[in-house]
Protein backbone atom coordinates (compact mmCIF):
# COMPACT_ATOMS: atom_id res chain seq x y z
CA UNK A 1 -47.81 -5.01 -13.29
CA UNK A 2 -45.61 -1.97 -13.77
CA UNK A 3 -44.80 -1.96 -10.08
CA UNK A 4 -43.85 -5.63 -10.23
CA UNK A 5 -41.53 -5.01 -13.17
CA UNK A 6 -39.78 -2.22 -11.29
CA UNK A 7 -39.16 -4.39 -8.20
CA UNK A 8 -37.61 -7.35 -10.01
CA UNK A 9 -34.17 -5.74 -10.59
CA UNK A 10 -34.21 -4.48 -7.01
CA UNK A 11 -34.93 -7.99 -5.75
CA UNK A 12 -32.09 -9.40 -7.82
CA UNK A 13 -29.71 -6.86 -6.25
CA UNK A 14 -31.13 -7.28 -2.76
CA UNK A 15 -29.02 -10.23 -1.59
CA UNK A 16 -25.57 -8.76 -2.33
CA UNK A 17 -26.63 -5.40 -0.96
CA UNK A 18 -28.14 -6.93 2.16
CA UNK A 19 -25.05 -9.06 2.72
CA UNK A 20 -22.79 -6.02 2.43
CA UNK A 21 -25.05 -3.95 4.71
CA UNK A 22 -25.11 -6.74 7.29
CA UNK A 23 -21.33 -7.08 7.15
CA UNK A 24 -20.85 -3.32 7.53
CA UNK A 25 -23.33 -3.22 10.41
CA UNK A 26 -21.70 -6.19 12.13
CA UNK A 27 -18.25 -4.62 11.77
CA UNK A 28 -19.53 -1.36 13.22
CA UNK A 29 -21.36 -2.93 16.17
CA UNK A 30 -18.50 -5.20 17.17
CA UNK A 31 -15.15 -4.62 15.43
CA UNK A 32 -13.44 -7.25 17.60
CA UNK A 33 -15.94 -9.96 16.73
CA UNK A 34 -15.72 -9.03 13.08
CA UNK A 35 -11.95 -9.36 13.30
CA UNK A 36 -12.23 -12.78 14.90
CA UNK A 37 -14.72 -13.86 12.24
CA UNK A 38 -12.43 -12.66 9.46
CA UNK A 39 -9.36 -14.31 10.98
CA UNK A 40 -11.18 -17.59 11.63
CA UNK A 41 -12.60 -17.56 8.10
CA UNK A 42 -9.07 -17.34 6.72
CA UNK A 43 -8.06 -20.38 8.80
CA UNK A 44 -11.09 -22.30 7.52
CA UNK A 45 -10.25 -21.40 3.91
CA UNK A 46 -6.62 -22.48 4.29
CA UNK A 47 -7.77 -25.71 5.99
CA UNK A 48 -10.01 -26.55 3.05
CA UNK A 49 -7.23 -25.84 0.54
CA UNK A 50 -4.62 -27.88 2.45
CA UNK A 51 -6.93 -30.86 2.83
CA UNK A 52 -7.40 -31.26 -0.94
CA UNK A 53 -5.28 -33.73 -2.96
CA UNK A 54 -3.59 -30.97 -4.96
CA UNK A 55 -1.98 -29.65 -1.76
CA UNK A 56 -0.25 -32.92 -0.83
CA UNK A 57 2.79 -34.36 -2.58
CA UNK A 58 1.17 -37.80 -2.67
CA UNK A 59 -1.99 -36.52 -4.35
CA UNK A 60 -4.19 -37.83 -1.53
CA UNK A 61 -6.53 -36.09 0.86
CA UNK A 62 -4.88 -34.78 4.04
CA UNK A 63 -6.77 -35.76 7.22
CA UNK A 64 -8.88 -32.95 8.65
CA UNK A 65 -7.02 -32.70 11.97
CA UNK A 66 -3.64 -32.39 10.23
CA UNK A 67 -4.94 -29.85 7.69
CA UNK A 68 -6.61 -27.77 10.40
CA UNK A 69 -3.53 -27.82 12.62
CA UNK A 70 -1.23 -26.81 9.77
CA UNK A 71 -3.62 -24.05 8.66
CA UNK A 72 -3.94 -22.70 12.20
CA UNK A 73 -0.19 -22.90 12.76
CA UNK A 74 0.41 -21.14 9.44
CA UNK A 75 -2.12 -18.32 9.73
CA UNK A 76 -1.27 -17.84 13.41
CA UNK A 77 2.42 -17.84 12.33
CA UNK A 78 3.24 -20.40 15.01
CA UNK A 79 5.47 -22.90 13.21
CA UNK A 80 4.41 -26.10 14.98
CA UNK A 81 3.71 -29.06 12.71
CA UNK A 82 2.27 -32.57 12.84
CA UNK A 83 3.50 -33.58 9.37
CA UNK A 84 6.84 -33.36 7.60
CA UNK A 85 6.63 -29.84 6.15
CA UNK A 86 9.31 -30.45 3.51
CA UNK A 87 7.91 -33.69 2.04
CA UNK A 88 4.16 -33.75 2.75
CA UNK A 89 3.07 -30.70 0.77
CA UNK A 90 3.08 -30.11 -2.98
CA UNK A 91 4.22 -26.83 -4.59
CA UNK A 92 0.60 -25.66 -4.44
CA UNK A 93 0.38 -26.60 -0.76
CA UNK A 94 3.59 -24.72 0.01
CA UNK A 95 2.24 -21.67 -1.84
CA UNK A 96 -0.93 -21.79 0.26
CA UNK A 97 1.20 -22.01 3.42
CA UNK A 98 3.36 -19.01 2.46
CA UNK A 99 0.34 -16.89 1.53
CA UNK A 100 -1.42 -17.92 4.75
CA UNK A 101 1.64 -16.93 6.77
CA UNK A 102 1.82 -13.58 4.98
CA UNK A 103 -1.83 -12.87 5.71
CA UNK A 104 -1.53 -14.01 9.31
CA UNK A 105 1.54 -11.92 9.89
CA UNK A 106 -0.34 -8.73 9.07
CA UNK A 107 -2.34 -9.07 12.27
CA UNK A 108 -5.87 -9.88 13.32
CA UNK A 109 -7.53 -6.47 13.48
CA UNK A 110 -5.35 -4.93 10.79
CA UNK A 111 -6.35 -7.72 8.41
CA UNK A 112 -9.99 -7.21 9.34
CA UNK A 113 -9.57 -3.50 8.59
CA UNK A 114 -8.18 -4.26 5.14
CA UNK A 115 -11.13 -6.58 4.49
CA UNK A 116 -13.43 -3.81 5.64
CA UNK A 117 -11.84 -1.50 3.11
CA UNK A 118 -12.52 -4.04 0.38
CA UNK A 119 -16.15 -4.31 1.46
CA UNK A 120 -16.84 -0.59 1.79
CA UNK A 121 -14.29 0.57 -0.82
CA UNK A 122 -13.18 3.31 1.57
CA UNK A 123 -11.32 3.64 4.84
CA UNK A 124 -14.08 4.83 7.15
CA UNK A 125 -14.04 5.76 10.83
CA UNK A 126 -15.08 2.27 11.94
CA UNK A 127 -12.31 0.57 10.01
CA UNK A 128 -9.79 3.07 11.37
CA UNK A 129 -10.90 2.30 14.91
CA UNK A 130 -10.43 -1.40 14.20
CA UNK A 131 -6.90 -0.86 12.97
CA UNK A 132 -6.19 1.36 15.95
CA UNK A 133 -7.27 -1.47 18.25
CA UNK A 134 -4.47 -3.63 16.88
CA UNK A 135 -1.87 -0.98 17.54
CA UNK A 136 -3.31 -0.06 20.92
CA UNK A 137 -5.44 -2.68 22.74
CA UNK A 138 -6.71 0.01 25.12
CA UNK A 139 -9.11 1.11 22.40
CA UNK A 140 -11.28 -1.88 23.33
CA UNK A 141 -11.90 -0.29 26.72
CA UNK A 142 -14.03 2.71 27.62
CA UNK A 143 -12.40 5.95 28.63
CA UNK A 144 -9.80 8.30 27.17
CA UNK A 145 -6.76 6.75 25.55
CA UNK A 146 -3.55 8.54 24.65
CA UNK A 147 -2.95 7.59 21.04
CA UNK A 148 0.47 9.16 21.28
CA UNK A 149 1.60 5.91 22.87
CA UNK A 150 0.95 4.06 19.64
CA UNK A 151 -0.71 5.29 16.43
CA UNK A 152 -3.01 8.29 16.08
CA UNK A 153 -6.46 7.82 14.60
CA UNK A 154 -5.73 10.10 11.68
CA UNK A 155 -2.74 7.98 10.72
CA UNK A 156 -4.64 4.73 10.21
CA UNK A 157 -4.49 5.01 6.44
CA UNK A 158 -0.73 5.43 6.72
CA UNK A 159 -0.54 2.52 9.12
CA UNK A 160 -2.31 0.14 6.73
CA UNK A 161 -0.01 1.24 3.93
CA UNK A 162 3.01 0.83 6.19
CA UNK A 163 1.93 -2.67 7.21
CA UNK A 164 1.92 -3.93 3.64
CA UNK A 165 4.85 -1.84 2.42
CA UNK A 166 7.13 -2.64 5.35
CA UNK A 167 6.34 -6.35 5.17
CA UNK A 168 7.15 -6.64 1.48
CA UNK A 169 10.19 -4.36 1.74
CA UNK A 170 11.78 -6.21 4.65
CA UNK A 171 11.07 -9.58 3.08
CA UNK A 172 12.59 -8.42 -0.20
CA UNK A 173 15.72 -7.24 1.59
CA UNK A 174 15.94 -10.58 3.40
CA UNK A 175 15.51 -12.43 0.11
CA UNK A 176 18.27 -10.39 -1.54
CA UNK A 177 20.55 -11.07 1.43
CA UNK A 178 19.91 -14.82 1.39
CA UNK A 179 19.95 -15.53 -2.35
CA UNK A 180 23.71 -15.11 -3.03
CA UNK A 181 24.54 -17.08 0.09
CA UNK A 182 22.42 -20.06 -0.95
CA UNK A 183 23.82 -19.90 -4.48
CA UNK A 184 27.34 -20.01 -3.08
CA UNK A 185 26.43 -23.19 -1.18
CA UNK A 186 25.70 -25.09 -4.38
CA UNK A 187 21.96 -24.52 -4.81
CA UNK A 188 20.55 -24.04 -8.30
CA UNK A 189 19.07 -20.66 -9.21
CA UNK A 190 15.46 -21.86 -8.94
CA UNK A 191 16.05 -23.74 -5.69
CA UNK A 192 17.94 -20.82 -4.16
CA UNK A 193 15.19 -18.38 -5.20
CA UNK A 194 12.49 -20.60 -3.72
CA UNK A 195 14.42 -21.25 -0.50
CA UNK A 196 15.32 -17.59 0.03
CA UNK A 197 11.70 -16.55 -0.59
CA UNK A 198 10.46 -19.21 1.82
CA UNK A 199 12.98 -18.25 4.51
CA UNK A 200 12.39 -14.49 4.17
CA UNK A 201 8.62 -14.86 4.63
CA UNK A 202 9.11 -17.36 7.44
CA UNK A 203 11.62 -15.15 9.27
CA UNK A 204 9.84 -11.80 9.12
CA UNK A 205 6.49 -13.36 10.04
CA UNK A 206 8.15 -15.33 12.88
CA UNK A 207 6.86 -18.59 11.41
CA UNK A 208 9.91 -20.82 11.83
CA UNK A 209 9.32 -23.19 8.90
CA UNK A 210 12.32 -24.05 6.73
CA UNK A 211 12.43 -25.56 3.22
CA UNK A 212 15.31 -27.93 4.08
CA UNK A 213 14.70 -31.62 4.76
CA UNK A 214 17.19 -31.62 7.64
CA UNK A 215 16.03 -28.30 9.08
CA UNK A 216 18.84 -25.86 9.80
CA UNK A 217 21.27 -28.64 10.75
CA UNK A 218 22.94 -28.49 7.35
CA UNK A 219 23.44 -24.74 7.73
CA UNK A 220 24.56 -24.68 11.37
CA UNK A 221 27.92 -23.20 10.31
CA UNK A 222 26.39 -20.75 7.84
CA UNK A 223 26.81 -17.66 10.00
CA UNK A 224 25.49 -15.27 7.36
CA UNK A 225 22.24 -17.18 6.89
CA UNK A 226 21.68 -17.43 10.65
CA UNK A 227 22.40 -13.71 11.05
CA UNK A 228 19.86 -12.77 8.37
CA UNK A 229 17.23 -15.02 9.95
CA UNK A 230 17.90 -13.46 13.36
CA UNK A 231 17.56 -9.96 11.92
CA UNK A 232 14.31 -10.85 10.13
CA UNK A 233 12.76 -12.34 13.26
CA UNK A 234 13.91 -9.38 15.37
CA UNK A 235 12.41 -6.78 13.01
CA UNK A 236 9.16 -8.71 12.70
CA UNK A 237 8.85 -9.00 16.48
CA UNK A 238 9.10 -5.24 17.07
CA UNK A 239 5.60 -4.51 15.82
CA UNK A 240 4.15 -2.27 13.14
CA UNK A 241 3.70 0.76 15.45
CA UNK A 242 7.47 0.75 16.01
CA UNK A 243 8.18 0.33 12.29
CA UNK A 244 5.63 3.05 11.51
CA UNK A 245 7.29 5.45 13.96
CA UNK A 246 10.78 4.62 12.64
CA UNK A 247 9.75 5.29 9.04
CA UNK A 248 8.06 8.56 10.05
CA UNK A 249 11.13 9.76 11.95
CA UNK A 250 13.51 8.81 9.14
CA UNK A 251 11.32 10.68 6.66
CA UNK A 252 11.23 13.74 8.93
CA UNK A 253 15.01 13.75 9.32
CA UNK A 254 15.59 13.21 5.59
CA UNK A 255 13.32 16.12 4.64
CA UNK A 256 14.85 18.39 7.26
CA UNK A 257 11.58 18.73 9.18
CA UNK A 258 13.36 17.87 12.43
CA UNK A 259 16.81 17.07 13.72
CA UNK A 260 15.60 15.35 16.85
CA UNK A 261 13.23 12.43 16.12
CA UNK A 262 10.38 11.96 18.58
CA UNK A 263 9.93 8.47 19.97
CA UNK A 264 6.66 7.71 21.77
CA UNK A 265 6.57 5.90 25.09
CA UNK A 266 5.33 2.74 23.37
CA UNK A 267 8.30 2.72 20.99
CA UNK A 268 10.79 3.39 23.77
CA UNK A 269 9.38 0.70 26.05
CA UNK A 270 9.29 -1.83 23.22
CA UNK A 271 12.86 -1.18 22.11
CA UNK A 272 14.32 -0.99 25.62
CA UNK A 273 12.59 -4.15 26.87
CA UNK A 274 13.36 -6.06 23.67
CA UNK A 275 17.06 -5.24 23.76
CA UNK A 276 17.24 -5.93 27.51
CA UNK A 277 15.64 -9.36 27.07
CA UNK A 278 17.96 -10.13 24.15
CA UNK A 279 21.05 -9.29 26.20
CA UNK A 280 19.86 -11.13 29.32
CA UNK A 281 18.81 -14.18 27.32
CA UNK A 282 22.08 -14.36 25.39
CA UNK A 283 24.14 -14.24 28.57
CA UNK A 284 21.91 -16.70 30.42
CA UNK A 285 21.58 -19.32 27.66
CA UNK A 286 25.28 -19.13 26.79
CA UNK A 287 26.26 -19.66 30.41
CA UNK A 288 23.71 -22.41 31.08
CA UNK A 289 24.48 -24.37 27.89
CA UNK A 290 28.23 -23.70 27.66
CA UNK A 291 29.20 -27.19 28.70
CA UNK A 292 26.25 -29.07 27.18
CA UNK A 293 27.66 -31.06 24.23
CA UNK A 294 24.18 -31.56 22.75
CA UNK A 295 23.52 -27.82 22.40
CA UNK A 296 26.04 -24.95 22.54
CA UNK A 297 28.86 -27.09 23.93
CA UNK A 298 29.16 -28.88 20.61
CA UNK A 299 30.40 -25.80 18.70
CA UNK A 300 33.52 -23.65 18.91
CA UNK A 301 33.79 -21.33 21.91
CA UNK A 302 33.68 -18.16 19.80
CA UNK A 303 30.41 -19.29 18.18
CA UNK A 304 28.54 -20.10 21.41
CA UNK A 305 27.49 -16.52 22.28
CA UNK A 306 26.19 -16.07 18.74
CA UNK A 307 24.11 -19.24 18.93
CA UNK A 308 22.96 -18.11 22.39
CA UNK A 309 21.68 -14.89 20.79
CA UNK A 310 20.10 -16.90 17.96
CA UNK A 311 18.24 -19.18 20.37
CA UNK A 312 17.18 -16.24 22.56
CA UNK A 313 15.66 -14.51 19.54
CA UNK A 314 13.86 -17.68 18.47
CA UNK A 315 12.33 -18.34 21.89
CA UNK A 316 10.52 -15.01 21.67
CA UNK A 317 8.51 -16.26 18.69
CA UNK A 318 10.95 -17.05 15.84
CA UNK A 319 10.76 -20.83 16.09
CA UNK A 320 13.94 -21.67 14.13
CA UNK A 321 16.18 -24.15 15.93
CA UNK A 322 19.72 -25.48 15.50
CA UNK A 323 19.46 -28.32 18.03
CA UNK A 324 16.70 -30.44 19.61
CA UNK A 325 14.94 -28.47 22.33
CA UNK A 326 14.64 -31.55 24.52
CA UNK A 327 18.44 -31.55 24.90
CA UNK A 328 18.37 -28.29 26.88
CA UNK A 329 19.18 -28.28 30.58
CA UNK A 330 16.26 -27.91 32.99
CA UNK A 331 17.25 -24.31 33.75
CA UNK A 332 17.34 -23.39 30.07
CA UNK A 333 14.00 -25.10 29.49
CA UNK A 334 12.38 -23.06 32.25
CA UNK A 335 13.93 -19.86 30.94
CA UNK A 336 12.74 -20.73 27.42
CA UNK A 337 9.18 -21.06 28.67
CA UNK A 338 9.39 -17.64 30.29
CA UNK A 339 10.76 -15.99 27.14
CA UNK A 340 8.11 -17.67 24.96
CA UNK A 341 5.32 -16.52 27.27
CA UNK A 342 6.58 -12.92 27.09
CA UNK A 343 6.90 -12.93 23.29
CA UNK A 344 7.50 -9.82 21.18
CA UNK A 345 6.06 -6.36 20.59
CA UNK A 346 2.42 -5.35 20.35
CA UNK A 347 0.83 -5.52 16.87
CA UNK A 348 3.77 -7.58 15.63
CA UNK A 349 4.20 -10.96 13.97
CA UNK A 350 5.32 -12.33 17.35
CA UNK A 351 3.04 -13.78 19.99
CA UNK A 352 3.04 -13.96 23.78
CA UNK A 353 1.74 -11.43 26.28
CA UNK A 354 4.04 -8.78 24.67
CA UNK A 355 7.11 -7.01 26.02
CA UNK A 356 5.24 -3.81 26.93
CA UNK A 357 2.92 -5.84 29.16
CA UNK A 358 5.77 -7.24 31.21
CA UNK A 359 7.44 -3.80 31.23
CA UNK A 360 4.34 -2.15 32.71
CA UNK A 361 4.08 -4.84 35.40
CA UNK A 362 7.71 -4.36 36.44
CA UNK A 363 7.34 -0.58 36.41
CA UNK A 364 4.30 -0.91 38.68
CA UNK A 365 6.23 -3.17 41.05
CA UNK A 366 9.15 -0.71 41.16
CA UNK A 367 6.78 2.21 41.79
CA UNK A 368 5.15 0.32 44.65
CA UNK A 369 8.53 -0.60 46.15
CA UNK A 370 9.61 3.06 46.06
CA UNK A 371 6.31 4.22 47.49
CA UNK A 372 5.51 6.25 44.38
CA UNK A 373 1.82 6.58 43.64
CA UNK A 374 2.20 6.78 39.84
CA UNK A 375 3.78 4.47 37.27
CA UNK A 376 6.42 6.40 35.34
CA UNK A 377 8.81 5.69 32.47
CA UNK A 378 10.94 7.99 30.33
CA UNK A 379 9.46 11.08 32.03
CA UNK A 380 5.95 9.96 31.18
CA UNK A 381 3.12 8.85 33.47
CA UNK A 382 1.35 5.59 32.71
CA UNK A 383 -2.34 5.61 33.76
CA UNK A 384 -3.72 2.93 36.06
CA UNK A 385 -6.05 1.47 33.42
CA UNK A 386 -2.98 0.36 31.45
CA UNK A 387 -1.88 -1.64 34.49
CA UNK A 388 -5.32 -3.26 34.72
CA UNK A 389 -5.12 -4.30 31.08
CA UNK A 390 -1.61 -5.72 31.61
CA UNK A 391 -2.75 -7.76 34.61
CA UNK A 392 -5.76 -9.03 32.64
CA UNK A 393 -3.56 -10.12 29.74
CA UNK A 394 -1.23 -12.08 32.02
CA UNK A 395 -4.07 -13.77 33.90
CA UNK A 396 -5.94 -14.70 30.72
CA UNK A 397 -2.73 -16.03 29.19
CA UNK A 398 -1.97 -18.15 32.23
CA UNK A 399 -5.54 -19.45 32.24
CA UNK A 400 -5.35 -20.48 28.57
CA UNK A 401 -2.03 -22.26 29.14
CA UNK A 402 -3.34 -24.04 32.25
CA UNK A 403 -6.60 -25.20 30.66
CA UNK A 404 -4.84 -26.37 27.50
CA UNK A 405 -2.20 -28.29 29.48
CA UNK A 406 -4.88 -30.05 31.57
CA UNK A 407 -6.77 -30.94 28.39
CA UNK A 408 -3.71 -32.37 26.60
CA UNK A 409 -2.17 -34.37 29.48
CA UNK A 410 -4.66 -37.30 29.15
CA UNK A 411 -3.69 -37.74 25.48
CA UNK A 412 0.08 -38.11 25.93
CA UNK A 413 2.64 -40.01 27.98
CA UNK A 414 5.14 -37.16 27.88
CA UNK A 415 6.07 -35.54 31.22
CA UNK A 416 4.40 -32.34 32.37
CA UNK A 417 7.47 -30.21 31.59
CA UNK A 418 7.41 -31.21 27.93
CA UNK A 419 3.64 -30.72 27.64
CA UNK A 420 3.85 -27.30 29.26
CA UNK A 421 6.68 -26.31 26.91
CA UNK A 422 4.67 -27.16 23.79
CA UNK A 423 1.49 -25.55 25.12
CA UNK A 424 3.29 -22.28 25.90
CA UNK A 425 4.94 -22.47 22.47
CA UNK A 426 1.49 -22.83 20.88
CA UNK A 427 -0.07 -20.04 22.94
CA UNK A 428 2.85 -17.70 22.24
CA UNK A 429 2.92 -18.75 18.54
CA UNK A 430 6.60 -19.64 18.92
CA UNK A 431 6.92 -22.99 17.15
CA UNK A 432 9.55 -24.71 19.29
CA UNK A 433 8.65 -28.23 20.37
CA UNK A 434 9.96 -31.01 22.60
CA UNK A 435 8.24 -33.63 20.43
CA UNK A 436 4.88 -33.67 22.22
CA UNK A 437 3.02 -32.05 19.32
CA UNK A 438 4.09 -34.67 16.77
CA UNK A 439 2.92 -37.54 19.04
CA UNK A 440 -0.55 -36.17 19.86
CA UNK A 441 -3.72 -37.93 18.68
CA UNK A 442 -6.36 -35.99 16.77
CA UNK A 443 -8.13 -34.85 19.95
CA UNK A 444 -4.91 -33.37 21.34
CA UNK A 445 -4.11 -31.79 17.98
CA UNK A 446 -7.48 -30.00 18.01
CA UNK A 447 -6.86 -28.71 21.54
CA UNK A 448 -3.47 -27.34 20.55
CA UNK A 449 -5.02 -25.76 17.44
CA UNK A 450 -7.49 -23.90 19.66
CA UNK A 451 -4.58 -22.80 21.87
CA UNK A 452 -2.73 -21.32 18.88
CA UNK A 453 -5.87 -19.52 17.75
CA UNK A 454 -6.49 -18.02 21.20
CA UNK A 455 -2.84 -16.99 21.51
CA UNK A 456 -2.73 -15.30 18.12
CA UNK A 457 -5.96 -13.32 18.30
CA UNK A 458 -4.77 -11.90 21.59
CA UNK A 459 -6.26 -12.10 25.03
CA UNK A 460 -7.44 -8.50 24.99
CA UNK A 461 -9.14 -8.93 21.61
CA UNK A 462 -10.70 -12.19 22.74
CA UNK A 463 -12.06 -10.63 25.93
CA UNK A 464 -13.35 -7.62 24.02
CA UNK A 465 -15.08 -9.85 21.48
CA UNK A 466 -16.87 -11.75 24.23
CA UNK A 467 -17.90 -8.60 26.05
CA UNK A 468 -18.73 -6.90 22.70
CA UNK A 469 -19.03 -3.54 24.37
CA UNK A 470 -17.90 -1.74 27.50
CA UNK A 471 -20.40 -0.19 29.88
CA UNK A 472 -19.57 2.64 32.24
CA UNK A 473 -20.78 2.33 35.82
CA UNK A 474 -22.29 5.60 37.04
CA UNK A 475 -22.02 4.87 40.75
CA UNK A 476 -19.42 3.68 43.24
CA UNK A 477 -19.70 1.09 45.98
CA UNK A 478 -18.31 1.76 49.50
CA UNK A 479 -14.55 1.22 49.63
CA UNK A 480 -13.01 -1.53 51.75
CA UNK A 481 -9.46 -2.92 51.59
CA UNK A 482 -8.91 -6.72 51.69
CA UNK A 483 -5.65 -8.16 53.02
CA UNK A 484 -3.36 -9.22 50.15
CA UNK A 485 0.07 -10.76 50.20
């Protein structure tokens, strides 16, 4: 009897303890799968909240397909919608959307790391490895990895702090920049505060939602507002490793620790490729749309390069738009698809295959053309396994886009070009649309939801979650060269 009395409290505590032990064990055995589970759970929670009557302005239940699509688009910070975002949702629904976007913008594995901290009440080695995977996808592969290219393992605690601190700081600065401008345009204090908060979160997290019933059409001549949105999207698309490095260098310079900040190869490649794409896109879109009265041709000549820069920034994941995308010329549409597919920086609020991926591929092509056996950039050598990861990311991304396009085509009468545009926008979590998304039936909406989910969690993370672990082969097969090209 005494033994039975002693076991009863233990039995009452067994279920919470066992659940926590199972969660810790699952996170340790497969960090990538734990991250996917955490991220998917957030989408499910937001879906449930958005489907309830208190989330809709009409007080009625929102259909499951619409609630799921909006939740996925929000948490994946995509910006596509199948309902009128300004009139369908109640204040509670809009709050859920903004919180979901904030959580989604933090990142898949980084968010899972924070949840792991909550579970274990400490930042252990396993959680640090999970956060490191978000800043450097090569951690999901066996073999040595140079953490100098991204974030060092010992800095994971600082990274998690930087993620939250930088997000809130940038969004606060955006809010402060937008609030006086909206007040000067006749908005009340409460409306201006709400709109500036909404826009700041939407811009930094590359979401693309706006609180205005007419979109940005009513603010097309508001250069200051458009400039702030462009800056917010640009900073958010750089990635937390770049922000982390910038803060560290600024702190070192301010304290006198160094006069010459050190920028890692990852930071340099991200900044160089991002600025190069911004310049090339601005020139190309401005030239291609200069005489199109439905796009840039409808504004003053001095404003066209600025709107070309604005649209270039938005194609790489921002999602804000000043004119209907379907009015673009065929050349601009094709270029938009390319920019969306590339996306922004690694471990950022942007989507796509990432700018460093395309940079590594071009560097490999240049090295091969010059007959150089090693991939080099900024006096640094890039190992061959990085190239293999880059090729895998591109192929997996193309496969997801192809399969999704084939699955959606039977559900719509829109031409292939428009379907492909929306599918790439969903995969790259961009948010621009030719109108295909709004016309899809529930089956097509579910397919596009899955595309957004796959695009946001990342092709490397998805592959690592399926494989769950990497095995090292201890032997080599005989070598033979096939004919390629």
